[in-house]
């Protein structure tokens, strides 16, 4: 094994190579690299989706971006309009959702009052 300065990437490479060697698949390494590169190149851009019920003006978008950059600095922001959220804002990043929409709040109240299936 060649753990150059105990770098986790080198450790992972050693593990992968050892696995391929153990299973007599070392000759498949170029194919594995191509598959990994393809998956890497097809990853979605790292962006934060901001959904509102109405189109926001430039200054409001700037304020929202400034607020979100505390948590998501360096990411792209994509603004979408979906009237069905009624009001507020819905923020998505990868598998995380912050739902501050009026629709969510109304559904929560409805559920608390026992009207969720009506």
PDB file of N, CA and C in Angstrom:
ATOM      1  N   UNK A   1       0.827  -1.191   0.000  1.00  0.00           N
ATOM      2  CA  UNK A   1       0.000   0.000   0.000  1.00  0.00           C
ATOM      3  C   UNK A   1       0.866   1.247   0.000  1.00  0.00           C
ATOM      4  N   UNK A   2       0.362   2.288  -0.655  1.00  0.00           N
ATOM      5  CA  UNK A   2       1.094   3.540  -0.762  1.00  0.00           C
ATOM      6  C   UNK A   2       0.250   4.673  -0.190  1.00  0.00           C
ATOM      7  N   UNK A   3       0.177   4.779   1.130  1.00  0.00           N
ATOM      8  CA  UNK A   3      -0.612   5.828   1.775  1.00  0.00           C
ATOM      9  C   UNK A   3       0.215   7.099   1.894  1.00  0.00           C
ATOM     10  N   UNK A   4       0.261   7.855   0.822  1.00  0.00           N
ATOM     11  CA  UNK A   4       1.058   9.070   0.782  1.00  0.00           C
ATOM     12  C   UNK A   4       0.554  10.052   1.829  1.00  0.00           C
ATOM     13  N   UNK A   5       1.350  10.225   2.899  1.00  0.00           N
ATOM     14  CA  UNK A   5       1.026  11.127   4.005  1.00  0.00           C
ATOM     15  C   UNK A   5      -0.329  10.819   4.638  1.00  0.00           C
ATOM     16  N   UNK A   6      -0.749   9.566   4.612  1.00  0.00           N
ATOM     17  CA  UNK A   6      -2.041   9.154   5.180  1.00  0.00           C
ATOM     18  C   UNK A   6      -3.220   9.928   4.599  1.00  0.00           C
ATOM     19  N   UNK A   7      -3.098  10.378   3.380  1.00  0.00           N
ATOM     20  CA  UNK A   7      -4.170  11.097   2.697  1.00  0.00           C
ATOM     21  C   UNK A   7      -5.332  10.119   2.453  1.00  0.00           C
ATOM     22  N   UNK A   8      -6.572  10.491   2.876  1.00  0.00           N
ATOM     23  CA  UNK A   8      -7.718   9.585   2.695  1.00  0.00           C
ATOM     24  C   UNK A   8      -7.954   9.171   1.247  1.00  0.00           C
ATOM     25  N   UNK A   9      -7.643  10.029   0.302  1.00  0.00           N
ATOM     26  CA  UNK A   9      -7.842   9.681  -1.107  1.00  0.00           C
ATOM     27  C   UNK A   9      -6.893   8.559  -1.518  1.00  0.00           C
ATOM     28  N   UNK A  10      -5.645   8.643  -1.073  1.00  0.00           N
ATOM     29  CA  UNK A  10      -4.691   7.571  -1.379  1.00  0.00           C
ATOM     30  C   UNK A  10      -5.108   6.275  -0.680  1.00  0.00           C
ATOM     31  N   UNK A  11      -5.613   6.389   0.544  1.00  0.00           N
ATOM     32  CA  UNK A  11      -6.089   5.208   1.262  1.00  0.00           C
ATOM     33  C   UNK A  11      -7.254   4.559   0.513  1.00  0.00           C
ATOM     34  N   UNK A  12      -8.179   5.401   0.035  1.00  0.00           N
ATOM     35  CA  UNK A  12      -9.307   4.882  -0.730  1.00  0.00           C
ATOM     36  C   UNK A  12      -8.834   4.226  -2.021  1.00  0.00           C
ATOM     37  N   UNK A  13      -7.886   4.871  -2.706  1.00  0.00           N
ATOM     38  CA  UNK A  13      -7.346   4.291  -3.946  1.00  0.00           C
ATOM     39  C   UNK A  13      -6.708   2.939  -3.672  1.00  0.00           C
ATOM     40  N   UNK A  14      -5.977   2.831  -2.557  1.00  0.00           N
ATOM     41  CA  UNK A  14      -5.368   1.544  -2.201  1.00  0.00           C
ATOM     42  C   UNK A  14      -6.430   0.485  -1.942  1.00  0.00           C
ATOM     43  N   UNK A  15      -7.495   0.860  -1.239  1.00  0.00           N
ATOM     44  CA  UNK A  15      -8.573  -0.087  -0.960  1.00  0.00           C
ATOM     45  C   UNK A  15      -9.243  -0.564  -2.241  1.00  0.00           C
ATOM     46  N   UNK A  16      -9.496   0.362  -3.135  1.00  0.00           N
ATOM     47  CA  UNK A  16     -10.130   0.007  -4.411  1.00  0.00           C
ATOM     48  C   UNK A  16      -9.224  -0.915  -5.217  1.00  0.00           C
ATOM     49  N   UNK A  17      -7.944  -0.558  -5.283  1.00  0.00           N
ATOM     50  CA  UNK A  17      -7.014  -1.388  -6.048  1.00  0.00           C
ATOM     51  C   UNK A  17      -6.915  -2.784  -5.439  1.00  0.00           C
ATOM     52  N   UNK A  18      -6.807  -2.844  -4.105  1.00  0.00           N
ATOM     53  CA  UNK A  18      -6.735  -4.149  -3.436  1.00  0.00           C
ATOM     54  C   UNK A  18      -7.983  -4.988  -3.703  1.00  0.00           C
ATOM     55  N   UNK A  19      -9.148  -4.332  -3.692  1.00  0.00           N
ATOM     56  CA  UNK A  19     -10.398  -5.032  -3.979  1.00  0.00           C
ATOM     57  C   UNK A  19     -10.384  -5.597  -5.402  1.00  0.00           C
ATOM     58  N   UNK A  20      -9.999  -4.748  -6.352  1.00  0.00           N
ATOM     59  CA  UNK A  20      -9.953  -5.189  -7.751  1.00  0.00           C
ATOM     60  C   UNK A  20      -8.955  -6.328  -7.924  1.00  0.00           C
ATOM     61  N   UNK A  21      -7.811  -6.213  -7.259  1.00  0.00           N
ATOM     62  CA  UNK A  21      -6.788  -7.253  -7.351  1.00  0.00           C
ATOM     63  C   UNK A  21      -7.297  -8.568  -6.765  1.00  0.00           C
ATOM     64  N   UNK A  22      -7.941  -8.484  -5.598  1.00  0.00           N
ATOM     65  CA  UNK A  22      -8.470  -9.683  -4.931  1.00  0.00           C
ATOM     66  C   UNK A  22      -9.483 -10.415  -5.812  1.00  0.00           C
ATOM     67  N   UNK A  23     -10.274  -9.647  -6.553  1.00  0.00           N
ATOM     68  CA  UNK A  23     -11.317 -10.232  -7.392  1.00  0.00           C
ATOM     69  C   UNK A  23     -10.883 -10.361  -8.862  1.00  0.00           C
ATOM     70  N   UNK A  24      -9.587 -10.237  -9.100  1.00  0.00           N
ATOM     71  CA  UNK A  24      -9.003 -10.363 -10.430  1.00  0.00           C
ATOM     72  C   UNK A  24      -9.687  -9.451 -11.455  1.00  0.00           C
ATOM     73  N   UNK A  25      -9.861  -8.180 -11.033  1.00  0.00           N
ATOM     74  CA  UNK A  25     -10.524  -7.203 -11.898  1.00  0.00           C
ATOM     75  C   UNK A  25      -9.650  -5.976 -12.183  1.00  0.00           C
ATOM     76  N   UNK A  26      -8.360  -6.070 -11.927  1.00  0.00           N
ATOM     77  CA  UNK A  26      -7.474  -4.919 -12.125  1.00  0.00           C
ATOM     78  C   UNK A  26      -7.542  -4.414 -13.566  1.00  0.00           C
ATOM     79  N   UNK A  27      -7.705  -5.327 -14.511  1.00  0.00           N
ATOM     80  CA  UNK A  27      -7.782  -4.912 -15.919  1.00  0.00           C
ATOM     81  C   UNK A  27      -9.033  -4.075 -16.213  1.00  0.00           C
ATOM     82  N   UNK A  28     -10.003  -4.088 -15.296  1.00  0.00           N
ATOM     83  CA  UNK A  28     -11.226  -3.295 -15.461  1.00  0.00           C
ATOM     84  C   UNK A  28     -11.087  -1.869 -14.903  1.00  0.00           C
ATOM     85  N   UNK A  29      -9.920  -1.553 -14.353  1.00  0.00           N
ATOM     86  CA  UNK A  29      -9.714  -0.239 -13.738  1.00  0.00           C
ATOM     87  C   UNK A  29      -9.971   0.928 -14.700  1.00  0.00           C
ATOM     88  N   UNK A  30      -9.483   0.891 -15.954  1.00  0.00           N
ATOM     89  CA  UNK A  30      -9.794   1.996 -16.877  1.00  0.00           C
ATOM     90  C   UNK A  30     -11.305   2.186 -17.081  1.00  0.00           C
ATOM     91  N   UNK A  31     -12.042   1.084 -17.150  1.00  0.00           N
ATOM     92  CA  UNK A  31     -13.499   1.164 -17.302  1.00  0.00           C
ATOM     93  C   UNK A  31     -14.128   1.798 -16.061  1.00  0.00           C
ATOM     94  N   UNK A  32     -13.655   1.402 -14.871  1.00  0.00           N
ATOM     95  CA  UNK A  32     -14.153   1.974 -13.618  1.00  0.00           C
ATOM     96  C   UNK A  32     -13.899   3.481 -13.574  1.00  0.00           C
ATOM     97  N   UNK A  33     -12.728   3.894 -13.992  1.00  0.00           N
ATOM     98  CA  UNK A  33     -12.391   5.327 -14.000  1.00  0.00           C
ATOM     99  C   UNK A  33     -13.335   6.088 -14.928  1.00  0.00           C
ATOM    100  N   UNK A  34     -13.626   5.524 -16.101  1.00  0.00           N
ATOM    101  CA  UNK A  34     -14.550   6.179 -17.031  1.00  0.00           C
ATOM    102  C   UNK A  34     -15.952   6.299 -16.439  1.00  0.00           C
ATOM    103  N   UNK A  35     -16.412   5.243 -15.767  1.00  0.00           N
ATOM    104  CA  UNK A  35     -17.742   5.271 -15.145  1.00  0.00           C
ATOM    105  C   UNK A  35     -17.781   6.341 -14.050  1.00  0.00           C
ATOM    106  N   UNK A  36     -16.760   6.390 -13.220  1.00  0.00           N
ATOM    107  CA  UNK A  36     -16.715   7.394 -12.145  1.00  0.00           C
ATOM    108  C   UNK A  36     -16.656   8.814 -12.711  1.00  0.00           C
ATOM    109  N   UNK A  37     -15.853   9.008 -13.750  1.00  0.00           N
ATOM    110  CA  UNK A  37     -15.779  10.330 -14.383  1.00  0.00           C
ATOM    111  C   UNK A  37     -17.133  10.738 -14.955  1.00  0.00           C
ATOM    112  N   UNK A  38     -17.816   9.800 -15.596  1.00  0.00           N
ATOM    113  CA  UNK A  38     -19.130  10.089 -16.165  1.00  0.00           C
ATOM    114  C   UNK A  38     -20.120  10.487 -15.077  1.00  0.00           C
ATOM    115  N   UNK A  39     -20.125   9.740 -13.990  1.00  0.00           N
ATOM    116  CA  UNK A  39     -21.029  10.084 -12.884  1.00  0.00           C
ATOM    117  C   UNK A  39     -20.686  11.441 -12.300  1.00  0.00           C
ATOM    118  N   UNK A  40     -19.400  11.705 -12.144  1.00  0.00           N
ATOM    119  CA  UNK A  40     -18.963  12.995 -11.597  1.00  0.00           C
ATOM    120  C   UNK A  40     -19.390  14.136 -12.520  1.00  0.00           C
ATOM    121  N   UNK A  41     -19.214  13.954 -13.818  1.00  0.00           N
ATOM    122  CA  UNK A  41     -19.562  15.008 -14.780  1.00  0.00           C
ATOM    123  C   UNK A  41     -21.059  15.244 -14.882  1.00  0.00           C
ATOM    124  N   UNK A  42     -21.872  14.263 -14.461  1.00  0.00           N
ATOM    125  CA  UNK A  42     -23.322  14.405 -14.534  1.00  0.00           C
ATOM    126  C   UNK A  42     -23.965  14.805 -13.210  1.00  0.00           C
ATOM    127  N   UNK A  43     -23.134  15.148 -12.226  1.00  0.00           N
ATOM    128  CA  UNK A  43     -23.696  15.620 -10.966  1.00  0.00           C
ATOM    129  C   UNK A  43     -24.403  16.951 -11.199  1.00  0.00           C
ATOM    130  N   UNK A  44     -25.532  17.171 -10.520  1.00  0.00           N
ATOM    131  CA  UNK A  44     -26.189  18.471 -10.677  1.00  0.00           C
ATOM    132  C   UNK A  44     -25.326  19.560 -10.057  1.00  0.00           C
ATOM    133  N   UNK A  45     -25.426  20.741 -10.639  1.00  0.00           N
ATOM    134  CA  UNK A  45     -24.682  21.856 -10.074  1.00  0.00           C
ATOM    135  C   UNK A  45     -25.122  22.059  -8.639  1.00  0.00           C
ATOM    136  N   UNK A  46     -24.189  22.460  -7.824  1.00  0.00           N
ATOM    137  CA  UNK A  46     -24.504  22.679  -6.423  1.00  0.00           C
ATOM    138  C   UNK A  46     -25.197  24.027  -6.314  1.00  0.00           C
ATOM    139  N   UNK A  47     -26.518  23.964  -6.213  1.00  0.00           N
ATOM    140  CA  UNK A  47     -27.287  25.186  -6.159  1.00  0.00           C
ATOM    141  C   UNK A  47     -28.348  25.104  -5.080  1.00  0.00           C
ATOM    142  N   UNK A  48     -28.769  26.261  -4.677  1.00  0.00           N
ATOM    143  CA  UNK A  48     -29.853  26.394  -3.714  1.00  0.00           C
ATOM    144  C   UNK A  48     -31.055  26.902  -4.489  1.00  0.00           C
ATOM    145  N   UNK A  49     -32.165  26.175  -4.369  1.00  0.00           N
ATOM    146  CA  UNK A  49     -33.394  26.578  -5.048  1.00  0.00           C
ATOM    147  C   UNK A  49     -34.259  27.358  -4.070  1.00  0.00           C
ATOM    148  N   UNK A  50     -34.654  28.549  -4.473  1.00  0.00           N
ATOM    149  CA  UNK A  50     -35.501  29.411  -3.652  1.00  0.00           C
ATOM    150  C   UNK A  50     -36.835  29.567  -4.374  1.00  0.00           C
ATOM    151  N   UNK A  51     -37.892  29.053  -3.755  1.00  0.00           N
ATOM    152  CA  UNK A  51     -39.218  29.067  -4.381  1.00  0.00           C
ATOM    153  C   UNK A  51     -40.097  30.058  -3.638  1.00  0.00           C
ATOM    154  N   UNK A  52     -40.738  30.933  -4.395  1.00  0.00           N
ATOM    155  CA  UNK A  52     -41.688  31.897  -3.827  1.00  0.00           C
ATOM    156  C   UNK A  52     -42.977  31.869  -4.645  1.00  0.00           C
ATOM    157  N   UNK A  53     -44.030  32.426  -4.077  1.00  0.00           N
ATOM    158  CA  UNK A  53     -45.326  32.432  -4.759  1.00  0.00           C
ATOM    159  C   UNK A  53     -45.386  33.475  -5.862  1.00  0.00           C
ATOM    160  N   UNK A  54     -44.599  34.521  -5.730  1.00  0.00           N
ATOM    161  CA  UNK A  54     -44.582  35.606  -6.723  1.00  0.00           C
ATOM    162  C   UNK A  54     -43.139  35.936  -7.092  1.00  0.00           C
ATOM    163  N   UNK A  55     -42.971  36.563  -8.220  1.00  0.00           N
ATOM    164  CA  UNK A  55     -41.641  36.996  -8.651  1.00  0.00           C
ATOM    165  C   UNK A  55     -41.120  38.046  -7.671  1.00  0.00           C
ATOM    166  N   UNK A  56     -39.875  37.884  -7.260  1.00  0.00           N
ATOM    167  CA  UNK A  56     -39.267  38.823  -6.319  1.00  0.00           C
ATOM    168  C   UNK A  56     -38.513  39.903  -7.066  1.00  0.00           C
ATOM    169  N   UNK A  57     -38.501  41.097  -6.500  1.00  0.00           N
ATOM    170  CA  UNK A  57     -37.705  42.154  -7.108  1.00  0.00           C
ATOM    171  C   UNK A  57     -36.230  41.928  -6.777  1.00  0.00           C
ATOM    172  N   UNK A  58     -35.370  42.648  -7.465  1.00  0.00           N
ATOM    173  CA  UNK A  58     -33.926  42.456  -7.358  1.00  0.00           C
ATOM    174  C   UNK A  58     -33.428  42.665  -5.929  1.00  0.00           C
ATOM    175  N   UNK A  59     -33.914  43.688  -5.250  1.00  0.00           N
ATOM    176  CA  UNK A  59     -33.419  43.966  -3.895  1.00  0.00           C
ATOM    177  C   UNK A  59     -33.823  42.864  -2.909  1.00  0.00           C
ATOM    178  N   UNK A  60     -35.013  42.299  -3.080  1.00  0.00           N
ATOM    179  CA  UNK A  60     -35.455  41.207  -2.201  1.00  0.00           C
ATOM    180  C   UNK A  60     -34.607  39.962  -2.446  1.00  0.00           C
ATOM    181  N   UNK A  61     -34.324  39.672  -3.718  1.00  0.00           N
ATOM    182  CA  UNK A  61     -33.457  38.534  -4.039  1.00  0.00           C
ATOM    183  C   UNK A  61     -32.065  38.725  -3.427  1.00  0.00           C
ATOM    184  N   UNK A  62     -31.565  39.948  -3.503  1.00  0.00           N
ATOM    185  CA  UNK A  62     -30.248  40.244  -2.932  1.00  0.00           C
ATOM    186  C   UNK A  62     -30.245  40.033  -1.428  1.00  0.00           C
ATOM    187  N   UNK A  63     -31.300  40.477  -0.747  1.00  0.00           N
ATOM    188  CA  UNK A  63     -31.399  40.282   0.708  1.00  0.00           C
ATOM    189  C   UNK A  63     -31.470  38.801   1.052  1.00  0.00           C
ATOM    190  N   UNK A  64     -32.244  38.038   0.287  1.00  0.00           N
ATOM    191  CA  UNK A  64     -32.365  36.596   0.529  1.00  0.00           C
ATOM    192  C   UNK A  64     -31.011  35.913   0.302  1.00  0.00           C
ATOM    193  N   UNK A  65     -30.328  36.275  -0.780  1.00  0.00           N
ATOM    194  CA  UNK A  65     -29.012  35.695  -1.053  1.00  0.00           C
ATOM    195  C   UNK A  65     -28.038  35.998   0.089  1.00  0.00           C
ATOM    196  N   UNK A  66     -28.058  37.228   0.556  1.00  0.00           N
ATOM    197  CA  UNK A  66     -27.168  37.630   1.652  1.00  0.00           C
ATOM    198  C   UNK A  66     -27.453  36.793   2.900  1.00  0.00           C
ATOM    199  N   UNK A  67     -28.717  36.585   3.203  1.00  0.00           N
ATOM    200  CA  UNK A  67     -29.120  35.778   4.358  1.00  0.00           C
ATOM    201  C   UNK A  67     -28.687  34.329   4.177  1.00  0.00           C
ATOM    202  N   UNK A  68     -28.894  33.780   2.970  1.00  0.00           N
ATOM    203  CA  UNK A  68     -28.577  32.380   2.707  1.00  0.00           C
ATOM    204  C   UNK A  68     -27.074  32.117   2.600  1.00  0.00           C
ATOM    205  N   UNK A  69     -26.299  33.119   2.222  1.00  0.00           N
ATOM    206  CA  UNK A  69     -24.856  32.919   2.072  1.00  0.00           C
ATOM    207  C   UNK A  69     -24.190  32.581   3.397  1.00  0.00           C
ATOM    208  N   UNK A  70     -24.841  32.908   4.507  1.00  0.00           N
ATOM    209  CA  UNK A  70     -24.301  32.515   5.811  1.00  0.00           C
ATOM    210  C   UNK A  70     -24.239  31.000   5.904  1.00  0.00           C
ATOM    211  N   UNK A  71     -25.207  30.330   5.293  1.00  0.00           N
ATOM    212  CA  UNK A  71     -25.286  28.868   5.326  1.00  0.00           C
ATOM    213  C   UNK A  71     -24.739  28.218   4.059  1.00  0.00           C
ATOM    214  N   UNK A  72     -24.907  28.864   2.908  1.00  0.00           N
ATOM    215  CA  UNK A  72     -24.586  28.252   1.621  1.00  0.00           C
ATOM    216  C   UNK A  72     -23.597  29.089   0.815  1.00  0.00           C
ATOM    217  N   UNK A  73     -22.561  29.584   1.441  1.00  0.00           N
ATOM    218  CA  UNK A  73     -21.599  30.435   0.742  1.00  0.00           C
ATOM    219  C   UNK A  73     -20.935  29.669  -0.401  1.00  0.00           C
ATOM    220  N   UNK A  74     -20.806  30.307  -1.538  1.00  0.00           N
ATOM    221  CA  UNK A  74     -20.149  29.707  -2.689  1.00  0.00           C
ATOM    222  C   UNK A  74     -21.074  28.936  -3.606  1.00  0.00           C
ATOM    223  N   UNK A  75     -22.343  28.844  -3.266  1.00  0.00           N
ATOM    224  CA  UNK A  75     -23.285  28.108  -4.095  1.00  0.00           C
ATOM    225  C   UNK A  75     -24.072  29.060  -4.982  1.00  0.00           C
ATOM    226  N   UNK A  76     -24.637  28.511  -6.026  1.00  0.00           N
ATOM    227  CA  UNK A  76     -25.492  29.276  -6.924  1.00  0.00           C
ATOM    228  C   UNK A  76     -26.914  29.291  -6.369  1.00  0.00           C
ATOM    229  N   UNK A  77     -27.636  30.362  -6.626  1.00  0.00           N
ATOM    230  CA  UNK A  77     -29.019  30.481  -6.186  1.00  0.00           C
ATOM    231  C   UNK A  77     -29.923  30.528  -7.413  1.00  0.00           C
ATOM    232  N   UNK A  78     -30.957  29.686  -7.376  1.00  0.00           N
ATOM    233  CA  UNK A  78     -31.914  29.612  -8.477  1.00  0.00           C
ATOM    234  C   UNK A  78     -33.282  29.976  -7.901  1.00  0.00           C
ATOM    235  N   UNK A  79     -33.872  31.023  -8.411  1.00  0.00           N
ATOM    236  CA  UNK A  79     -35.179  31.476  -7.936  1.00  0.00           C
ATOM    237  C   UNK A  79     -36.264  30.954  -8.858  1.00  0.00           C
ATOM    238  N   UNK A  80     -37.317  30.387  -8.249  1.00  0.00           N
ATOM    239  CA  UNK A  80     -38.459  29.874  -9.004  1.00  0.00           C
ATOM    240  C   UNK A  80     -39.739  30.461  -8.423  1.00  0.00           C
ATOM    241  N   UNK A  81     -40.737  30.580  -9.279  1.00  0.00           N
ATOM    242  CA  UNK A  81     -42.054  31.048  -8.841  1.00  0.00           C
ATOM    243  C   UNK A  81     -43.033  29.885  -8.943  1.00  0.00           C
ATOM    244  N   UNK A  82     -43.696  29.578  -7.821  1.00  0.00           N
ATOM    245  CA  UNK A  82     -44.739  28.548  -7.780  1.00  0.00           C
ATOM    246  C   UNK A  82     -45.886  29.095  -6.947  1.00  0.00           C
ATOM    247  N   UNK A  83     -46.898  29.633  -7.605  1.00  0.00           N
ATOM    248  CA  UNK A  83     -48.020  30.244  -6.882  1.00  0.00           C
ATOM    249  C   UNK A  83     -48.705  29.304  -5.889  1.00  0.00           C
ATOM    250  N   UNK A  84     -48.612  27.995  -6.127  1.00  0.00           N
ATOM    251  CA  UNK A  84     -49.301  27.045  -5.245  1.00  0.00           C
ATOM    252  C   UNK A  84     -48.773  27.044  -3.810  1.00  0.00           C
ATOM    253  N   UNK A  85     -47.604  27.653  -3.542  1.00  0.00           N
ATOM    254  CA  UNK A  85     -47.135  27.703  -2.152  1.00  0.00           C
ATOM    255  C   UNK A  85     -47.822  28.848  -1.390  1.00  0.00           C
ATOM    256  N   UNK A  86     -48.591  29.662  -2.094  1.00  0.00           N
ATOM    257  CA  UNK A  86     -49.435  30.735  -1.556  1.00  0.00           C
ATOM    258  C   UNK A  86     -48.674  31.944  -1.038  1.00  0.00           C
ATOM    259  N   UNK A  87     -47.581  31.758  -0.363  1.00  0.00           N
ATOM    260  CA  UNK A  87     -46.785  32.850   0.188  1.00  0.00           C
ATOM    261  C   UNK A  87     -45.594  32.277   0.919  1.00  0.00           C
ATOM    262  N   UNK A  88     -44.732  33.140   1.423  1.00  0.00           N
ATOM    263  CA  UNK A  88     -43.544  32.672   2.122  1.00  0.00           C
ATOM    264  C   UNK A  88     -42.483  32.212   1.146  1.00  0.00           C
ATOM    265  N   UNK A  89     -41.646  31.308   1.620  1.00  0.00           N
ATOM    266  CA  UNK A  89     -40.529  30.847   0.799  1.00  0.00           C
ATOM    267  C   UNK A  89     -40.239  29.377   1.113  1.00  0.00           C
ATOM    268  N   UNK A  90     -39.783  28.671   0.091  1.00  0.00           N
ATOM    269  CA  UNK A  90     -39.378  27.278   0.204  1.00  0.00           C
ATOM    270  C   UNK A  90     -37.936  27.218  -0.300  1.00  0.00           C
ATOM    271  N   UNK A  91     -37.040  26.677   0.514  1.00  0.00           N
ATOM    272  CA  UNK A  91     -35.621  26.639   0.162  1.00  0.00           C
ATOM    273  C   UNK A  91     -35.174  25.182   0.112  1.00  0.00           C
ATOM    274  N   UNK A  92     -34.562  24.803  -1.031  1.00  0.00           N
ATOM    275  CA  UNK A  92     -34.083  23.430  -1.202  1.00  0.00           C
ATOM    276  C   UNK A  92     -32.593  23.446  -1.529  1.00  0.00           C
ATOM    277  N   UNK A  93     -31.869  22.548  -0.881  1.00  0.00           N
ATOM    278  CA  UNK A  93     -30.465  22.316  -1.226  1.00  0.00           C
ATOM    279  C   UNK A  93     -30.205  20.823  -1.081  1.00  0.00           C
ATOM    280  N   UNK A  94     -29.916  20.181  -2.186  1.00  0.00           N
ATOM    281  CA  UNK A  94     -29.714  18.735  -2.229  1.00  0.00           C
ATOM    282  C   UNK A  94     -30.907  18.037  -1.582  1.00  0.00           C
ATOM    283  N   UNK A  95     -30.724  17.329  -0.474  1.00  0.00           N
ATOM    284  CA  UNK A  95     -31.840  16.610   0.142  1.00  0.00           C
ATOM    285  C   UNK A  95     -32.436  17.349   1.332  1.00  0.00           C
ATOM    286  N   UNK A  96     -32.057  18.612   1.504  1.00  0.00           N
ATOM    287  CA  UNK A  96     -32.567  19.400   2.623  1.00  0.00           C
ATOM    288  C   UNK A  96     -33.620  20.388   2.132  1.00  0.00           C
ATOM    289  N   UNK A  97     -34.679  20.545   2.929  1.00  0.00           N
ATOM    290  CA  UNK A  97     -35.757  21.467   2.580  1.00  0.00           C
ATOM    291  C   UNK A  97     -36.097  22.302   3.805  1.00  0.00           C
ATOM    292  N   UNK A  98     -36.152  23.603   3.613  1.00  0.00           N
ATOM    293  CA  UNK A  98     -36.641  24.520   4.639  1.00  0.00           C
ATOM    294  C   UNK A  98     -37.926  25.117   4.081  1.00  0.00           C
ATOM    295  N   UNK A  99     -39.052  24.660   4.625  1.00  0.00           N
ATOM    296  CA  UNK A  99     -40.354  25.063   4.102  1.00  0.00           C
ATOM    297  C   UNK A  99     -40.962  26.126   5.012  1.00  0.00           C
ATOM    298  N   UNK A 100     -40.877  27.356   4.558  1.00  0.00           N
ATOM    299  CA  UNK A 100     -41.464  28.483   5.273  1.00  0.00           C
ATOM    300  C   UNK A 100     -42.645  29.041   4.486  1.00  0.00           C
ATOM    301  N   UNK A 101     -43.276  28.145   3.709  1.00  0.00           N
ATOM    302  CA  UNK A 101     -44.382  28.582   2.853  1.00  0.00           C
ATOM    303  C   UNK A 101     -45.683  28.665   3.647  1.00  0.00           C
ATOM    304  N   UNK A 102     -46.570  29.482   3.170  1.00  0.00           N
ATOM    305  CA  UNK A 102     -47.890  29.617   3.775  1.00  0.00           C
ATOM    306  C   UNK A 102     -48.680  28.314   3.618  1.00  0.00           C
ATOM    307  N   UNK A 103     -48.526  27.661   2.491  1.00  0.00           N
ATOM    308  CA  UNK A 103     -49.219  26.388   2.265  1.00  0.00           C
ATOM    309  C   UNK A 103     -48.827  25.366   3.326  1.00  0.00           C
ATOM    310  N   UNK A 104     -47.544  25.262   3.623  1.00  0.00           N
ATOM    311  CA  UNK A 104     -47.066  24.321   4.644  1.00  0.00           C
ATOM    312  C   UNK A 104     -47.662  24.663   6.011  1.00  0.00           C
ATOM    313  N   UNK A 105     -47.642  25.949   6.338  1.00  0.00           N
ATOM    314  CA  UNK A 105     -48.168  26.372   7.644  1.00  0.00           C
ATOM    315  C   UNK A 105     -49.664  26.098   7.761  1.00  0.00           C
ATOM    316  N   UNK A 106     -50.422  26.359   6.688  1.00  0.00           N
ATOM    317  CA  UNK A 106     -51.857  26.093   6.702  1.00  0.00           C
ATOM    318  C   UNK A 106     -52.143  24.598   6.810  1.00  0.00           C
ATOM    319  N   UNK A 107     -51.366  23.777   6.095  1.00  0.00           N
ATOM    320  CA  UNK A 107     -51.543  22.321   6.193  1.00  0.00           C
ATOM    321  C   UNK A 107     -51.210  21.813   7.589  1.00  0.00           C
ATOM    322  N   UNK A 108     -50.234  22.429   8.217  1.00  0.00           N
ATOM    323  CA  UNK A 108     -49.860  22.049   9.584  1.00  0.00           C
ATOM    324  C   UNK A 108     -51.002  22.372  10.558  1.00  0.00           C
ATOM    325  N   UNK A 109     -51.589  23.553  10.402  1.00  0.00           N
ATOM    326  CA  UNK A 109     -52.730  23.937  11.251  1.00  0.00           C
ATOM    327  C   UNK A 109     -53.901  22.993  10.998  1.00  0.00           C
ATOM    328  N   UNK A 110     -54.169  22.707   9.744  1.00  0.00           N
ATOM    329  CA  UNK A 110     -55.252  21.793   9.369  1.00  0.00           C
ATOM    330  C   UNK A 110     -55.066  20.436  10.037  1.00  0.00           C
ATOM    331  N   UNK A 111     -53.841  19.930  10.023  1.00  0.00           N
ATOM    332  CA  UNK A 111     -53.536  18.648  10.638  1.00  0.00           C
ATOM    333  C   UNK A 111     -53.740  18.715  12.151  1.00  0.00           C
ATOM    334  N   UNK A 112     -53.277  19.791  12.767  1.00  0.00           N
ATOM    335  CA  UNK A 112     -53.430  19.953  14.214  1.00  0.00           C
ATOM    336  C   UNK A 112     -54.887  20.024  14.632  1.00  0.00           C
ATOM    337  N   UNK A 113     -55.731  20.562  13.760  1.00  0.00           N
ATOM    338  CA  UNK A 113     -57.156  20.672  14.059  1.00  0.00           C
ATOM    339  C   UNK A 113     -57.931  19.402  13.677  1.00  0.00           C
ATOM    340  N   UNK A 114     -57.243  18.439  13.095  1.00  0.00           N
ATOM    341  CA  UNK A 114     -57.877  17.173  12.754  1.00  0.00           C
ATOM    342  C   UNK A 114     -58.563  17.146  11.411  1.00  0.00           C
ATOM    343  N   UNK A 115     -58.243  18.085  10.528  1.00  0.00           N
ATOM    344  CA  UNK A 115     -58.876  18.155   9.219  1.00  0.00           C
ATOM    345  C   UNK A 115     -57.967  17.653   8.096  1.00  0.00           C
ATOM    346  N   UNK A 116     -56.947  16.870   8.422  1.00  0.00           N
ATOM    347  CA  UNK A 116     -55.978  16.483   7.421  1.00  0.00           C
ATOM    348  C   UNK A 116     -56.532  15.615   6.306  1.00  0.00           C
ATOM    349  N   UNK A 117     -57.558  14.835   6.556  1.00  0.00           N
ATOM    350  CA  UNK A 117     -58.126  13.942   5.524  1.00  0.00           C
ATOM    351  C   UNK A 117     -59.434  14.465   4.973  1.00  0.00           C
ATOM    352  N   UNK A 118     -59.732  15.711   5.195  1.00  0.00           N
ATOM    353  CA  UNK A 118     -61.020  16.249   4.750  1.00  0.00           C
ATOM    354  C   UNK A 118     -60.829  17.221   3.614  1.00  0.00           C
TER     355      UNK A 118
END
